[in-house]
Amino acid sequence: MTTPLPNLTCPLCGGDNQCAPANTGSFQVDCWCRTAPVPSDALARVPAEQRGLACLCPRCAGACEGAPRSTEN
């Protein structure tokens, strides 16, 4: 069984990404991002070398109510 990487920071802003699997070391704990809509433009801003290695934080993902949504292409 694999374990999550201990990446606890958002690859965009460097803040706490609130990733439950990274915090607990287990994929048996769901992350907030599994049920939140994450816009494709937010994912596209993640540097290629960091994609798939850490969760975005809710603010950068635009998943928090009232959080600014990216308009960059």
Protein backbone atom coordinates (compact mmCIF):
# COMPACT_ATOMS: atom_id res chain seq x y z
CA MET A 1 0.00 0.00 0.00
CA THR A 2 1.27 3.46 -0.86
CA THR A 3 1.25 6.38 1.51
CA PRO A 4 0.59 10.02 0.67
CA LEU A 5 3.49 12.38 0.25
CA PRO A 6 3.90 14.63 3.29
CA ASN A 7 3.33 17.77 1.21
CA LEU A 8 1.41 20.13 3.49
CA THR A 9 1.79 23.34 1.51
CA CYS A 10 -0.06 24.67 -1.51
CA PRO A 11 2.16 24.66 -4.62
CA LEU A 12 0.74 28.06 -5.62
CA CYS A 13 0.84 30.20 -2.47
CA GLY A 14 2.90 28.13 -0.03
CA GLY A 15 0.11 28.21 2.56
CA ASP A 16 -1.40 25.27 4.45
CA ASN A 17 -3.23 23.12 1.90
CA GLN A 18 -5.36 21.39 4.54
CA CYS A 19 -4.65 18.00 2.92
CA ALA A 20 -5.98 15.36 5.32
CA PRO A 21 -4.11 12.41 3.73
CA ALA A 22 -0.81 14.32 3.86
CA ASN A 23 -1.48 15.30 7.47
CA THR A 24 -2.43 11.78 8.60
CA GLY A 25 -0.18 9.73 6.32
CA SER A 26 -3.14 7.69 5.10
CA PHE A 27 -5.26 7.67 1.94
CA GLN A 28 -8.09 6.21 4.05
CA VAL A 29 -8.85 9.79 5.13
CA ASP A 30 -10.64 11.85 2.48
CA CYS A 31 -9.27 15.22 1.47
CA TRP A 32 -11.52 18.27 1.17
CA CYS A 33 -10.66 18.42 -2.55
CA ARG A 34 -12.36 15.11 -3.31
CA THR A 35 -15.79 16.71 -2.97
CA ALA A 36 -14.98 20.32 -3.90
CA PRO A 37 -15.06 21.56 -7.48
CA VAL A 38 -11.54 22.65 -8.43
CA PRO A 39 -11.53 24.79 -11.59
CA SER A 40 -9.23 23.61 -14.35
CA ASP A 41 -7.62 27.06 -14.54
CA ALA A 42 -6.47 26.68 -10.92
CA LEU A 43 -4.87 23.33 -11.70
CA ALA A 44 -3.27 24.75 -14.84
CA ARG A 45 -1.39 27.34 -12.72
CA VAL A 46 0.47 24.60 -10.80
CA PRO A 47 4.07 24.38 -12.06
CA ALA A 48 4.57 21.23 -14.14
CA GLU A 49 7.21 19.83 -11.77
CA GLN A 50 4.76 20.03 -8.84
CA ARG A 51 1.62 18.63 -10.48
CA GLY A 52 0.15 15.63 -8.71
CA LEU A 53 2.48 16.02 -5.73
CA ALA A 54 0.48 18.29 -3.40
CA CYS A 55 -3.04 19.61 -2.97
CA LEU A 56 -3.88 23.22 -3.62
CA CYS A 57 -5.22 25.11 -0.64
CA PRO A 58 -8.97 25.83 -0.68
CA ARG A 59 -8.36 29.50 -1.44
CA CYS A 60 -6.12 28.88 -4.47
CA ALA A 61 -8.44 26.15 -5.67
CA GLY A 62 -11.36 28.55 -5.43
CA ALA A 63 -13.22 25.98 -3.36
CA CYS A 64 -13.92 28.23 -0.39
CA GLU A 65 -17.10 30.20 -0.44
CA GLY A 66 -16.22 33.76 -1.33
CA ALA A 67 -12.72 32.88 -2.50
CA PRO A 68 -11.62 34.67 -5.66
CA ARG A 69 -11.76 32.53 -8.78
CA SER A 70 -8.92 32.79 -11.25
CA THR A 71 -9.60 34.49 -14.57
CA GLU A 72 -6.15 33.69 -15.97
CA ASN A 73 -5.88 31.41 -19.01
